[in-house]
Amino acid sequence: MIEINLLPKELRRKGKAFTFTKAKFYFLIGCAGMALVLILLTVLQQGKVKNLDRRIIEARNRKSQLKETIQLVDALGDIKKKILDRMSVIENLDKDRSTWIEVAEDLSSRVPDNIWLSSFKETPPPAPGPKPAQEDTLQNLEQTFVQENPRVTIEGYAYSINNLATFLTRLFRSYHFQDIELAFIKAVEIDKQKVFSFQLNSDLLYSSQVIQELEKEKGFAIKEEDSDGSQKP
């Protein structure tokens, strides 16, 4: 069957322009869907922003309420710091008290008869310079320990040179005194009695931890025997 369109050409074009195809329908549906998604995202973001604003306001109110508590905590922190500083000073003063007792006992046990000490002075060591890398040998431990500990001066009197020699021999056996030097010895008179005045200089080792390290290197406890067989500390 043959169909003939008797409309003029102008009307035919207008009819084609107003044709509603499936492609246009799908395009409109897609645009509407995208618009709906954008609207939903906008609503969600606005809800999140409002929630954040509410939480910020609550946090500010909470901070205002806790302002006095924060100030109290800060004050307690300052008090704690002052207490810790004072405790640190006390610990520094007290940390070597027991070892100083050991040093005094060791020194007194090595003083022979006919010798008495008149002075025991400590001089702080100079600031140590840079140290090269070294192995933890016994010699290096002793050198490091000497550099980190003070220099002491011992003065006293002896009735004879032999008494002083005995004292020096006993001091050389002690691990508390290293690099002992005889500064001088001279004859003097005290109450018309001739005696010998002397001065010794030595590095003082008073850290029990380093002495324990020296003991480990030696492989035995640090003990000395006197000539009569009794043990010296």
N, C-alpha and C. Protein backbone atom coordinates (compact mmCIF):
# COMPACT_ATOMS: atom_id res chain seq x y z
N MET A 1 0.85 -1.19 0.00
CA MET A 1 0.00 0.00 0.00
C MET A 1 0.88 1.24 0.00
N ILE A 2 0.56 2.15 -0.86
CA ILE A 2 1.38 3.35 -1.02
C ILE A 2 0.71 4.50 -0.29
N GLU A 3 1.55 5.21 0.60
CA GLU A 3 1.06 6.38 1.33
C GLU A 3 1.67 7.62 0.73
N ILE A 4 0.85 8.62 0.57
CA ILE A 4 1.30 9.87 -0.04
C ILE A 4 1.04 10.99 0.95
N ASN A 5 2.09 11.75 1.32
CA ASN A 5 1.97 12.90 2.22
C ASN A 5 1.70 14.12 1.37
N LEU A 6 0.51 14.66 1.52
CA LEU A 6 0.09 15.80 0.71
C LEU A 6 0.39 17.14 1.39
N LEU A 7 1.05 17.14 2.59
CA LEU A 7 1.37 18.40 3.28
C LEU A 7 2.50 19.11 2.56
N PRO A 8 2.50 20.46 2.64
CA PRO A 8 3.62 21.20 2.05
C PRO A 8 4.94 20.85 2.76
N LYS A 9 6.06 21.19 2.12
CA LYS A 9 7.38 20.88 2.68
C LYS A 9 7.64 21.61 3.98
N GLU A 10 7.13 22.86 4.13
CA GLU A 10 7.36 23.61 5.35
C GLU A 10 6.76 22.90 6.55
N LEU A 11 5.54 22.39 6.37
CA LEU A 11 4.88 21.70 7.48
C LEU A 11 5.54 20.36 7.77
N ARG A 12 6.06 19.75 6.74
CA ARG A 12 6.75 18.48 6.96
C ARG A 12 7.98 18.68 7.86
N ARG A 13 8.78 19.75 7.65
CA ARG A 13 9.96 20.00 8.47
C ARG A 13 9.57 20.26 9.92
N LYS A 14 8.53 21.07 10.12
CA LYS A 14 8.10 21.35 11.48
C LYS A 14 7.64 20.09 12.17
N GLY A 15 7.03 19.25 11.51
CA GLY A 15 6.60 18.00 12.12
C GLY A 15 7.78 17.17 12.57
N LYS A 16 8.82 17.11 11.77
CA LYS A 16 10.02 16.38 12.17
C LYS A 16 10.71 17.03 13.36
N ALA A 17 10.69 18.35 13.50
CA ALA A 17 11.36 19.05 14.60
C ALA A 17 10.72 18.73 15.93
N PHE A 18 9.45 18.51 15.95
CA PHE A 18 8.76 18.23 17.21
C PHE A 18 8.66 16.75 17.51
N THR A 19 9.40 15.94 16.80
CA THR A 19 9.34 14.50 17.05
C THR A 19 10.04 14.18 18.38
N PHE A 20 9.41 13.41 19.28
CA PHE A 20 9.95 13.04 20.60
C PHE A 20 10.46 11.61 20.51
N THR A 21 11.81 11.48 20.39
CA THR A 21 12.41 10.16 20.21
C THR A 21 12.80 9.55 21.55
N LYS A 22 13.18 8.26 21.53
CA LYS A 22 13.62 7.55 22.73
C LYS A 22 14.92 8.12 23.28
N ALA A 23 15.82 8.55 22.39
CA ALA A 23 17.10 9.12 22.84
C ALA A 23 16.88 10.37 23.67
N LYS A 24 15.97 11.22 23.20
CA LYS A 24 15.68 12.42 23.97
C LYS A 24 15.05 12.08 25.31
N PHE A 25 14.23 11.07 25.32
CA PHE A 25 13.58 10.65 26.56
C PHE A 25 14.62 10.17 27.58
N TYR A 26 15.54 9.34 27.12
CA TYR A 26 16.58 8.84 28.02
C TYR A 26 17.49 9.97 28.51
N PHE A 27 17.75 10.93 27.63
CA PHE A 27 18.59 12.07 28.01
C PHE A 27 17.93 12.88 29.12
N LEU A 28 16.64 13.12 28.98
CA LEU A 28 15.91 13.87 30.01
C LEU A 28 15.87 13.10 31.33
N ILE A 29 15.69 11.79 31.24
CA ILE A 29 15.69 10.97 32.45
C ILE A 29 17.06 11.05 33.14
N GLY A 30 18.14 11.01 32.36
CA GLY A 30 19.49 11.10 32.94
C GLY A 30 19.73 12.44 33.62
N CYS A 31 19.29 13.51 32.94
CA CYS A 31 19.47 14.84 33.55
C CYS A 31 18.70 14.96 34.86
N ALA A 32 17.49 14.42 34.86
CA ALA A 32 16.69 14.47 36.09
C ALA A 32 17.35 13.67 37.20
N GLY A 33 17.92 12.50 36.84
CA GLY A 33 18.60 11.68 37.85
C GLY A 33 19.82 12.38 38.43
N MET A 34 20.62 13.02 37.55
CA MET A 34 21.79 13.74 38.03
C MET A 34 21.40 14.90 38.94
N ALA A 35 20.33 15.60 38.57
CA ALA A 35 19.87 16.70 39.40
C ALA A 35 19.43 16.20 40.77
N LEU A 36 18.74 15.05 40.78
CA LEU A 36 18.30 14.47 42.04
C LEU A 36 19.49 14.07 42.91
N VAL A 37 20.53 13.47 42.29
CA VAL A 37 21.72 13.08 43.04
C VAL A 37 22.43 14.31 43.62
N LEU A 38 22.54 15.37 42.83
CA LEU A 38 23.17 16.60 43.32
C LEU A 38 22.40 17.19 44.48
N ILE A 39 21.08 17.14 44.38
CA ILE A 39 20.26 17.67 45.48
C ILE A 39 20.48 16.85 46.75
N LEU A 40 20.53 15.52 46.60
CA LEU A 40 20.75 14.66 47.77
C LEU A 40 22.13 14.92 48.39
N LEU A 41 23.16 15.05 47.54
CA LEU A 41 24.50 15.32 48.06
C LEU A 41 24.56 16.66 48.78
N THR A 42 23.88 17.65 48.22
CA THR A 42 23.86 18.97 48.86
C THR A 42 23.20 18.91 50.22
N VAL A 43 22.08 18.17 50.29
CA VAL A 43 21.39 18.03 51.58
C VAL A 43 22.27 17.32 52.60
N LEU A 44 22.97 16.26 52.15
CA LEU A 44 23.85 15.53 53.07
C LEU A 44 25.00 16.42 53.56
N GLN A 45 25.61 17.18 52.66
CA GLN A 45 26.71 18.05 53.06
C GLN A 45 26.24 19.13 54.01
N GLN A 46 25.06 19.67 53.76
CA GLN A 46 24.52 20.68 54.67
C GLN A 46 24.27 20.08 56.05
N GLY A 47 23.80 18.82 56.06
CA GLY A 47 23.60 18.16 57.35
C GLY A 47 24.91 17.97 58.10
N LYS A 48 25.98 17.57 57.37
CA LYS A 48 27.28 17.40 58.01
C LYS A 48 27.82 18.73 58.53
N VAL A 49 27.64 19.80 57.74
CA VAL A 49 28.11 21.11 58.18
C VAL A 49 27.39 21.55 59.44
N LYS A 50 26.07 21.33 59.48
CA LYS A 50 25.31 21.70 60.67
C LYS A 50 25.76 20.87 61.88
N ASN A 51 26.05 19.59 61.64
CA ASN A 51 26.51 18.73 62.73
C ASN A 51 27.86 19.20 63.27
N LEU A 52 28.76 19.57 62.35
CA LEU A 52 30.07 20.08 62.77
C LEU A 52 29.93 21.40 63.53
N ASP A 53 29.07 22.27 63.04
CA ASP A 53 28.84 23.54 63.75
C ASP A 53 28.32 23.29 65.16
N ARG A 54 27.41 22.32 65.27
CA ARG A 54 26.86 22.01 66.59
C ARG A 54 27.94 21.46 67.52
N ARG A 55 28.80 20.59 66.99
CA ARG A 55 29.87 20.03 67.81
C ARG A 55 30.88 21.09 68.21
N ILE A 56 31.17 22.03 67.30
CA ILE A 56 32.10 23.11 67.63
C ILE A 56 31.54 23.97 68.76
N ILE A 57 30.25 24.27 68.67
CA ILE A 57 29.62 25.07 69.73
C ILE A 57 29.66 24.32 71.06
N GLU A 58 29.39 23.01 71.02
CA GLU A 58 29.44 22.21 72.25
C GLU A 58 30.86 22.19 72.83
N ALA A 59 31.87 22.06 71.94
CA ALA A 59 33.26 22.04 72.41
C ALA A 59 33.65 23.36 73.05
N ARG A 60 33.20 24.46 72.45
CA ARG A 60 33.50 25.77 73.03
C ARG A 60 32.84 25.94 74.38
N ASN A 61 31.61 25.48 74.48
CA ASN A 61 30.92 25.56 75.77
C ASN A 61 31.63 24.69 76.81
N ARG A 62 32.07 23.50 76.37
CA ARG A 62 32.78 22.60 77.28
C ARG A 62 34.10 23.21 77.73
N LYS A 63 34.81 23.84 76.80
CA LYS A 63 36.08 24.49 77.15
C LYS A 63 35.86 25.61 78.15
N SER A 64 34.80 26.37 77.96
CA SER A 64 34.49 27.45 78.89
C SER A 64 34.19 26.90 80.28
N GLN A 65 33.47 25.76 80.32
CA GLN A 65 33.14 25.16 81.61
C GLN A 65 34.37 24.60 82.32
N LEU A 66 35.33 24.09 81.52
CA LEU A 66 36.52 23.47 82.11
C LEU A 66 37.69 24.43 82.24
N LYS A 67 37.47 25.70 82.01
CA LYS A 67 38.57 26.67 82.06
C LYS A 67 39.22 26.69 83.43
N GLU A 68 38.42 26.71 84.48
CA GLU A 68 38.98 26.72 85.83
C GLU A 68 39.74 25.44 86.13
N THR A 69 39.18 24.31 85.64
CA THR A 69 39.87 23.03 85.86
C THR A 69 41.22 23.01 85.15
N ILE A 70 41.26 23.55 83.93
CA ILE A 70 42.52 23.60 83.18
C ILE A 70 43.55 24.45 83.91
N GLN A 71 43.11 25.58 84.44
CA GLN A 71 44.03 26.43 85.19
C GLN A 71 44.57 25.72 86.43
N LEU A 72 43.70 24.95 87.08
CA LEU A 72 44.13 24.20 88.26
C LEU A 72 45.15 23.13 87.88
N VAL A 73 44.90 22.43 86.76
CA VAL A 73 45.84 21.41 86.30
C VAL A 73 47.19 22.03 85.95
N ASP A 74 47.17 23.19 85.30
CA ASP A 74 48.43 23.87 84.96
C ASP A 74 49.20 24.24 86.23
N ALA A 75 48.47 24.71 87.23
CA ALA A 75 49.14 25.06 88.49
C ALA A 75 49.75 23.83 89.15
N LEU A 76 49.01 22.71 89.10
CA LEU A 76 49.55 21.47 89.67
C LEU A 76 50.77 21.00 88.89
N GLY A 77 50.77 21.22 87.56
CA GLY A 77 51.94 20.85 86.76
C GLY A 77 53.17 21.65 87.15
N ASP A 78 52.98 22.94 87.42
CA ASP A 78 54.12 23.77 87.86
C ASP A 78 54.64 23.30 89.21
N ILE A 79 53.71 22.97 90.11
CA ILE A 79 54.13 22.48 91.43
C ILE A 79 54.89 21.16 91.30
N LYS A 80 54.39 20.27 90.41
CA LYS A 80 55.06 18.99 90.20
C LYS A 80 56.47 19.19 89.67
N LYS A 81 56.63 20.13 88.73
CA LYS A 81 57.95 20.39 88.16
C LYS A 81 58.92 20.89 89.23
N LYS A 82 58.44 21.79 90.10
CA LYS A 82 59.31 22.30 91.17
C LYS A 82 59.71 21.18 92.12
N ILE A 83 58.75 20.30 92.44
CA ILE A 83 59.07 19.19 93.34
C ILE A 83 60.09 18.25 92.71
N LEU A 84 59.91 17.95 91.41
CA LEU A 84 60.85 17.07 90.72
C LEU A 84 62.24 17.70 90.65
N ASP A 85 62.30 19.01 90.44
CA ASP A 85 63.61 19.68 90.41
C ASP A 85 64.30 19.57 91.76
N ARG A 86 63.54 19.75 92.84
CA ARG A 86 64.14 19.64 94.17
C ARG A 86 64.58 18.21 94.45
N MET A 87 63.75 17.24 94.02
CA MET A 87 64.13 15.84 94.22
C MET A 87 65.38 15.49 93.43
N SER A 88 65.52 16.07 92.23
CA SER A 88 66.71 15.82 91.43
C SER A 88 67.96 16.34 92.13
N VAL A 89 67.85 17.53 92.73
CA VAL A 89 68.99 18.08 93.47
C VAL A 89 69.36 17.17 94.64
N ILE A 90 68.34 16.69 95.36
CA ILE A 90 68.59 15.81 96.51
C ILE A 90 69.23 14.51 96.05
N GLU A 91 68.74 13.95 94.93
CA GLU A 91 69.31 12.70 94.42
C GLU A 91 70.76 12.88 94.01
N ASN A 92 71.07 14.03 93.38
CA ASN A 92 72.46 14.28 92.98
C ASN A 92 73.37 14.39 94.19
N LEU A 93 72.84 14.96 95.28
CA LEU A 93 73.65 15.08 96.50
C LEU A 93 73.81 13.74 97.21
N ASP A 94 72.82 12.87 97.04
CA ASP A 94 72.78 11.64 97.82
C ASP A 94 73.28 10.41 97.06
N LYS A 95 73.43 10.52 95.71
CA LYS A 95 73.68 9.33 94.92
C LYS A 95 75.02 8.66 95.24
N ASP A 96 76.05 9.46 95.63
CA ASP A 96 77.37 8.88 95.89
C ASP A 96 77.72 8.86 97.37
N ARG A 97 76.69 9.00 98.23
CA ARG A 97 76.99 9.04 99.66
C ARG A 97 77.57 7.72 100.13
N SER A 98 76.96 6.61 99.73
CA SER A 98 77.46 5.31 100.19
C SER A 98 78.84 5.01 99.63
N THR A 99 79.09 5.41 98.38
CA THR A 99 80.40 5.14 97.80
C THR A 99 81.48 5.98 98.46
N TRP A 100 81.13 7.20 98.91
CA TRP A 100 82.12 8.00 99.63
C TRP A 100 82.48 7.33 100.96
N ILE A 101 81.51 6.68 101.58
CA ILE A 101 81.81 5.94 102.80
C ILE A 101 82.78 4.81 102.50
N GLU A 102 82.56 4.13 101.36
CA GLU A 102 83.47 3.05 100.96
C GLU A 102 84.88 3.60 100.72
N VAL A 103 84.96 4.77 100.08
CA VAL A 103 86.28 5.37 99.82
C VAL A 103 86.98 5.69 101.13
N ALA A 104 86.23 6.28 102.08
CA ALA A 104 86.84 6.63 103.37
C ALA A 104 87.31 5.38 104.11
N GLU A 105 86.48 4.33 104.08
CA GLU A 105 86.88 3.09 104.75
C GLU A 105 88.09 2.47 104.08
N ASP A 106 88.11 2.51 102.74
CA ASP A 106 89.25 1.94 102.01
C ASP A 106 90.53 2.70 102.33
N LEU A 107 90.44 4.04 102.35
CA LEU A 107 91.63 4.84 102.63
C LEU A 107 92.13 4.61 104.06
N SER A 108 91.21 4.60 105.03
CA SER A 108 91.63 4.42 106.42
C SER A 108 92.23 3.03 106.65
N SER A 109 91.73 2.02 105.92
CA SER A 109 92.26 0.67 106.11
C SER A 109 93.67 0.52 105.55
N ARG A 110 94.07 1.45 104.68
CA ARG A 110 95.40 1.35 104.06
C ARG A 110 96.44 2.26 104.72
N VAL A 111 96.02 3.00 105.72
CA VAL A 111 96.98 3.86 106.44
C VAL A 111 97.71 3.01 107.47
N PRO A 112 99.03 2.85 107.34
CA PRO A 112 99.78 2.02 108.32
C PRO A 112 100.02 2.78 109.62
N ASP A 113 100.63 2.09 110.55
CA ASP A 113 101.01 2.74 111.81
C ASP A 113 102.07 3.80 111.54
N ASN A 114 102.13 4.77 112.43
CA ASN A 114 103.13 5.84 112.36
C ASN A 114 102.90 6.77 111.16
N ILE A 115 101.69 6.79 110.64
CA ILE A 115 101.30 7.76 109.60
C ILE A 115 99.94 8.32 109.97
N TRP A 116 99.78 9.62 109.87
CA TRP A 116 98.46 10.22 110.06
C TRP A 116 98.21 11.25 108.96
N LEU A 117 96.97 11.31 108.53
CA LEU A 117 96.59 12.20 107.43
C LEU A 117 96.05 13.51 107.99
N SER A 118 96.43 14.60 107.35
CA SER A 118 95.99 15.92 107.79
C SER A 118 95.01 16.59 106.83
N SER A 119 94.95 16.10 105.59
CA SER A 119 94.09 16.77 104.62
C SER A 119 93.71 15.79 103.51
N PHE A 120 92.46 15.93 103.04
CA PHE A 120 91.97 15.15 101.90
C PHE A 120 91.07 16.08 101.08
N LYS A 121 91.58 16.56 99.94
CA LYS A 121 90.88 17.56 99.15
C LYS A 121 90.52 16.99 97.78
N GLU A 122 89.39 17.43 97.28
CA GLU A 122 88.92 17.00 95.96
C GLU A 122 88.94 18.17 94.99
N THR A 123 89.43 17.93 93.77
CA THR A 123 89.43 18.93 92.71
C THR A 123 88.65 18.39 91.53
N PRO A 124 87.59 19.10 91.07
CA PRO A 124 86.81 18.59 89.93
C PRO A 124 87.69 18.42 88.71
N PRO A 125 87.40 17.42 87.87
CA PRO A 125 88.22 17.18 86.68
C PRO A 125 87.92 18.20 85.61
N PRO A 126 88.85 18.44 84.67
CA PRO A 126 88.57 19.34 83.54
C PRO A 126 87.54 18.72 82.62
N ALA A 127 86.91 19.58 81.81
CA ALA A 127 85.90 19.10 80.87
C ALA A 127 86.54 18.17 79.86
N PRO A 128 85.99 16.96 79.67
CA PRO A 128 86.60 16.01 78.73
C PRO A 128 86.42 16.45 77.29
N GLY A 129 87.42 16.16 76.46
CA GLY A 129 87.34 16.46 75.04
C GLY A 129 86.68 15.34 74.28
N PRO A 130 86.63 15.44 72.95
CA PRO A 130 86.03 14.36 72.16
C PRO A 130 86.83 13.08 72.29
N LYS A 131 86.10 11.96 72.38
CA LYS A 131 86.74 10.67 72.58
C LYS A 131 86.63 9.83 71.32
N PRO A 132 87.74 9.25 70.86
CA PRO A 132 87.65 8.35 69.70
C PRO A 132 86.99 7.04 70.09
N ALA A 133 86.47 6.36 69.08
CA ALA A 133 85.84 5.06 69.33
C ALA A 133 86.87 4.07 69.82
N GLN A 134 86.58 3.38 70.94
CA GLN A 134 87.50 2.43 71.53
C GLN A 134 86.75 1.19 71.95
N GLU A 135 87.48 0.09 72.05
CA GLU A 135 86.89 -1.13 72.53
C GLU A 135 86.79 -1.08 74.05
N ASP A 136 85.83 -1.84 74.61
CA ASP A 136 85.60 -1.84 76.05
C ASP A 136 86.60 -2.76 76.75
N THR A 137 87.88 -2.43 76.65
CA THR A 137 88.90 -3.20 77.35
C THR A 137 89.06 -2.66 78.75
N LEU A 138 89.77 -3.40 79.58
CA LEU A 138 90.00 -2.96 80.96
C LEU A 138 90.74 -1.64 81.00
N GLN A 139 91.74 -1.47 80.14
CA GLN A 139 92.52 -0.23 80.13
C GLN A 139 91.65 0.95 79.73
N ASN A 140 90.79 0.77 78.71
CA ASN A 140 89.93 1.86 78.27
C ASN A 140 88.90 2.21 79.33
N LEU A 141 88.38 1.20 80.04
CA LEU A 141 87.44 1.48 81.12
C LEU A 141 88.10 2.31 82.21
N GLU A 142 89.33 1.95 82.57
CA GLU A 142 90.03 2.69 83.61
C GLU A 142 90.31 4.12 83.15
N GLN A 143 90.73 4.31 81.87
CA GLN A 143 91.01 5.65 81.38
C GLN A 143 89.74 6.50 81.35
N THR A 144 88.64 5.91 80.87
CA THR A 144 87.37 6.65 80.84
C THR A 144 86.93 7.03 82.23
N PHE A 145 87.09 6.11 83.17
CA PHE A 145 86.67 6.35 84.54
C PHE A 145 87.49 7.47 85.18
N VAL A 146 88.81 7.47 84.90
CA VAL A 146 89.67 8.50 85.46
C VAL A 146 89.27 9.87 84.92
N GLN A 147 88.94 9.96 83.62
CA GLN A 147 88.60 11.23 83.03
C GLN A 147 87.30 11.79 83.60
N GLU A 148 86.40 10.93 84.04
CA GLU A 148 85.10 11.38 84.51
C GLU A 148 85.06 11.57 86.02
N ASN A 149 86.15 11.38 86.74
CA ASN A 149 86.14 11.48 88.19
C ASN A 149 87.18 12.50 88.65
N PRO A 150 87.03 12.97 89.88
CA PRO A 150 87.85 14.10 90.33
C PRO A 150 89.27 13.69 90.70
N ARG A 151 90.08 14.70 90.83
CA ARG A 151 91.45 14.56 91.30
C ARG A 151 91.48 14.91 92.78
N VAL A 152 92.19 14.13 93.58
CA VAL A 152 92.24 14.38 95.02
C VAL A 152 93.69 14.60 95.45
N THR A 153 93.82 15.34 96.54
CA THR A 153 95.12 15.60 97.14
C THR A 153 95.10 15.10 98.58
N ILE A 154 96.06 14.25 98.92
CA ILE A 154 96.16 13.69 100.27
C ILE A 154 97.44 14.22 100.91
N GLU A 155 97.29 14.81 102.08
CA GLU A 155 98.44 15.34 102.81
C GLU A 155 98.50 14.68 104.18
N GLY A 156 99.71 14.53 104.68
CA GLY A 156 99.87 13.91 105.99
C GLY A 156 101.32 13.92 106.45
N TYR A 157 101.56 13.14 107.51
CA TYR A 157 102.89 13.08 108.11
C TYR A 157 103.25 11.62 108.36
N ALA A 158 104.54 11.32 108.25
CA ALA A 158 105.04 9.97 108.49
C ALA A 158 106.29 10.06 109.36
N TYR A 159 106.45 9.05 110.22
CA TYR A 159 107.63 9.04 111.08
C TYR A 159 108.87 8.60 110.32
N SER A 160 108.67 7.86 109.22
CA SER A 160 109.83 7.40 108.47
C SER A 160 109.44 7.24 107.00
N ILE A 161 110.49 7.15 106.16
CA ILE A 161 110.26 6.94 104.73
C ILE A 161 109.65 5.56 104.49
N ASN A 162 110.03 4.59 105.31
CA ASN A 162 109.48 3.24 105.14
C ASN A 162 107.97 3.22 105.38
N ASN A 163 107.52 3.99 106.38
CA ASN A 163 106.07 4.07 106.62
C ASN A 163 105.34 4.65 105.40
N LEU A 164 105.92 5.68 104.81
CA LEU A 164 105.30 6.28 103.63
C LEU A 164 105.31 5.31 102.45
N ALA A 165 106.40 4.55 102.30
CA ALA A 165 106.47 3.57 101.21
C ALA A 165 105.40 2.50 101.38
N THR A 166 105.18 2.07 102.62
CA THR A 166 104.13 1.08 102.87
C THR A 166 102.75 1.64 102.52
N PHE A 167 102.53 2.90 102.87
CA PHE A 167 101.26 3.55 102.55
C PHE A 167 101.04 3.63 101.04
N LEU A 168 102.09 4.01 100.31
CA LEU A 168 101.98 4.09 98.85
C LEU A 168 101.71 2.72 98.24
N THR A 169 102.37 1.70 98.75
CA THR A 169 102.15 0.34 98.22
C THR A 169 100.70 -0.09 98.40
N ARG A 170 100.15 0.21 99.56
CA ARG A 170 98.75 -0.16 99.81
C ARG A 170 97.79 0.65 98.94
N LEU A 171 98.12 1.93 98.73
CA LEU A 171 97.24 2.74 97.86
C LEU A 171 97.26 2.23 96.43
N PHE A 172 98.42 1.77 95.96
CA PHE A 172 98.50 1.25 94.60
C PHE A 172 97.63 0.01 94.42
N ARG A 173 97.34 -0.70 95.50
CA ARG A 173 96.49 -1.89 95.42
C ARG A 173 95.00 -1.54 95.36
N SER A 174 94.66 -0.30 95.67
CA SER A 174 93.25 0.10 95.73
C SER A 174 92.75 0.49 94.34
N TYR A 175 91.51 0.09 94.04
CA TYR A 175 90.89 0.50 92.79
C TYR A 175 90.19 1.85 92.91
N HIS A 176 90.16 2.42 94.11
CA HIS A 176 89.59 3.75 94.27
C HIS A 176 90.59 4.84 93.91
N PHE A 177 91.88 4.54 93.95
CA PHE A 177 92.91 5.54 93.69
C PHE A 177 93.76 5.08 92.51
N GLN A 178 93.84 5.94 91.48
CA GLN A 178 94.59 5.63 90.27
C GLN A 178 95.53 6.79 89.94
N ASP A 179 96.61 6.46 89.22
CA ASP A 179 97.61 7.47 88.82
C ASP A 179 98.11 8.26 90.03
N ILE A 180 98.59 7.55 91.03
CA ILE A 180 99.06 8.18 92.27
C ILE A 180 100.43 8.81 92.02
N GLU A 181 100.57 10.06 92.46
CA GLU A 181 101.82 10.79 92.31
C GLU A 181 102.24 11.35 93.66
N LEU A 182 103.53 11.26 93.94
CA LEU A 182 104.09 11.86 95.15
C LEU A 182 104.52 13.28 94.81
N ALA A 183 103.76 14.27 95.29
CA ALA A 183 104.06 15.67 94.95
C ALA A 183 105.33 16.14 95.65
N PHE A 184 105.45 15.86 96.94
CA PHE A 184 106.67 16.23 97.66
C PHE A 184 106.74 15.45 98.96
N ILE A 185 107.93 15.41 99.51
CA ILE A 185 108.17 14.87 100.85
C ILE A 185 109.32 15.67 101.45
N LYS A 186 109.13 16.15 102.67
CA LYS A 186 110.16 16.97 103.29
C LYS A 186 110.15 16.74 104.80
N ALA A 187 111.31 16.90 105.38
CA ALA A 187 111.47 16.70 106.82
C ALA A 187 111.05 17.96 107.56
N VAL A 188 110.25 17.79 108.60
CA VAL A 188 109.80 18.91 109.44
C VAL A 188 109.86 18.46 110.90
N GLU A 189 109.68 19.42 111.80
CA GLU A 189 109.66 19.12 113.23
C GLU A 189 108.31 19.51 113.80
N ILE A 190 107.72 18.58 114.55
CA ILE A 190 106.46 18.83 115.25
C ILE A 190 106.67 18.44 116.71
N ASP A 191 106.55 19.42 117.59
CA ASP A 191 106.79 19.19 119.02
C ASP A 191 108.18 18.57 119.24
N LYS A 192 109.17 19.15 118.54
CA LYS A 192 110.57 18.72 118.64
C LYS A 192 110.78 17.28 118.18
N GLN A 193 109.83 16.78 117.40
CA GLN A 193 109.94 15.43 116.86
C GLN A 193 110.10 15.54 115.34
N LYS A 194 111.12 14.90 114.81
CA LYS A 194 111.37 14.95 113.38
C LYS A 194 110.42 13.99 112.66
N VAL A 195 109.65 14.52 111.72
CA VAL A 195 108.73 13.71 110.91
C VAL A 195 108.87 14.15 109.46
N PHE A 196 108.18 13.44 108.58
CA PHE A 196 108.22 13.74 107.15
C PHE A 196 106.82 14.15 106.68
N SER A 197 106.74 15.37 106.19
CA SER A 197 105.49 15.86 105.61
C SER A 197 105.43 15.45 104.13
N PHE A 198 104.26 15.01 103.69
CA PHE A 198 104.15 14.55 102.30
C PHE A 198 102.81 14.99 101.71
N GLN A 199 102.78 14.97 100.39
CA GLN A 199 101.54 15.27 99.65
C GLN A 199 101.44 14.31 98.47
N LEU A 200 100.27 13.69 98.33
CA LEU A 200 100.00 12.76 97.23
C LEU A 200 98.85 13.30 96.38
N ASN A 201 98.97 13.11 95.08
CA ASN A 201 97.89 13.44 94.15
C ASN A 201 97.42 12.16 93.46
N SER A 202 96.10 12.04 93.29
CA SER A 202 95.56 10.81 92.72
C SER A 202 94.22 11.07 92.06
N ASP A 203 93.90 10.26 91.06
CA ASP A 203 92.55 10.26 90.51
C ASP A 203 91.68 9.36 91.37
N LEU A 204 90.50 9.85 91.71
CA LEU A 204 89.61 9.12 92.62
C LEU A 204 88.52 8.43 91.83
N LEU A 205 88.42 7.12 92.01
CA LEU A 205 87.36 6.32 91.39
C LEU A 205 86.38 5.94 92.48
N TYR A 206 85.16 6.46 92.40
CA TYR A 206 84.20 6.16 93.45
C TYR A 206 82.88 5.62 92.93
N SER A 207 82.79 5.30 91.66
CA SER A 207 81.55 4.74 91.11
C SER A 207 81.58 3.23 91.24
N SER A 208 80.64 2.68 91.97
CA SER A 208 80.58 1.23 92.15
C SER A 208 80.28 0.50 90.85
N GLN A 209 79.56 1.15 89.94
CA GLN A 209 79.24 0.51 88.67
C GLN A 209 80.50 0.25 87.85
N VAL A 210 81.38 1.24 87.80
CA VAL A 210 82.62 1.07 87.03
C VAL A 210 83.50 0.03 87.69
N ILE A 211 83.53 0.02 89.01
CA ILE A 211 84.33 -0.99 89.71
C ILE A 211 83.81 -2.38 89.40
N GLN A 212 82.49 -2.53 89.30
CA GLN A 212 81.92 -3.83 88.93
C GLN A 212 82.34 -4.22 87.52
N GLU A 213 82.39 -3.23 86.60
CA GLU A 213 82.84 -3.53 85.25
C GLU A 213 84.30 -3.98 85.26
N LEU A 214 85.11 -3.33 86.10
CA LEU A 214 86.51 -3.74 86.20
C LEU A 214 86.62 -5.15 86.77
N GLU A 215 85.74 -5.48 87.71
CA GLU A 215 85.74 -6.83 88.27
C GLU A 215 85.41 -7.86 87.20
N LYS A 216 84.43 -7.54 86.34
CA LYS A 216 84.06 -8.46 85.27
C LYS A 216 85.22 -8.67 84.31
N GLU A 217 85.94 -7.57 83.99
CA GLU A 217 87.07 -7.69 83.08
C GLU A 217 88.18 -8.53 83.71
N LYS A 218 88.39 -8.33 85.02
CA LYS A 218 89.42 -9.10 85.71
C LYS A 218 89.00 -10.55 85.90
N GLY A 219 87.70 -10.78 86.06
CA GLY A 219 87.21 -12.14 86.27
C GLY A 219 87.18 -12.55 87.72
N PHE A 220 87.40 -11.59 88.63
CA PHE A 220 87.33 -11.92 90.05
C PHE A 220 87.02 -10.64 90.81
N ALA A 221 86.58 -10.79 92.08
CA ALA A 221 86.26 -9.64 92.90
C ALA A 221 87.53 -8.90 93.27
N ILE A 222 87.39 -7.59 93.45
CA ILE A 222 88.55 -6.75 93.75
C ILE A 222 88.86 -6.86 95.23
N LYS A 223 89.84 -7.69 95.55
CA LYS A 223 90.27 -7.85 96.93
C LYS A 223 91.79 -7.97 96.95
N GLU A 224 92.39 -7.46 97.98
CA GLU A 224 93.84 -7.52 98.13
C GLU A 224 94.17 -8.15 99.46
N GLU A 225 95.25 -8.87 99.49
CA GLU A 225 95.71 -9.47 100.72
C GLU A 225 96.92 -8.72 101.25
N ASP A 226 96.88 -8.41 102.53
CA ASP A 226 98.01 -7.74 103.14
C ASP A 226 99.11 -8.76 103.41
N SER A 227 100.25 -8.29 103.82
CA SER A 227 101.39 -9.18 104.03
C SER A 227 101.13 -10.20 105.13
N ASP A 228 100.23 -9.88 106.08
CA ASP A 228 99.95 -10.81 107.16
C ASP A 228 98.85 -11.80 106.81
N GLY A 229 98.33 -11.75 105.54
CA GLY A 229 97.33 -12.72 105.10
C GLY A 229 95.92 -12.23 105.22
N SER A 230 95.68 -11.09 105.90
CA SER A 230 94.33 -10.56 106.02
C SER A 230 93.95 -9.88 104.72
N GLN A 231 92.63 -9.87 104.39
CA GLN A 231 92.15 -9.28 103.15
C GLN A 231 91.88 -7.81 103.33
N LYS A 232 92.25 -7.06 102.28
CA LYS A 232 91.95 -5.64 102.24
C LYS A 232 90.84 -5.41 101.24
N PRO A 233 89.89 -4.49 101.50
CA PRO A 233 88.82 -4.23 100.54
C PRO A 233 89.35 -3.58 99.29
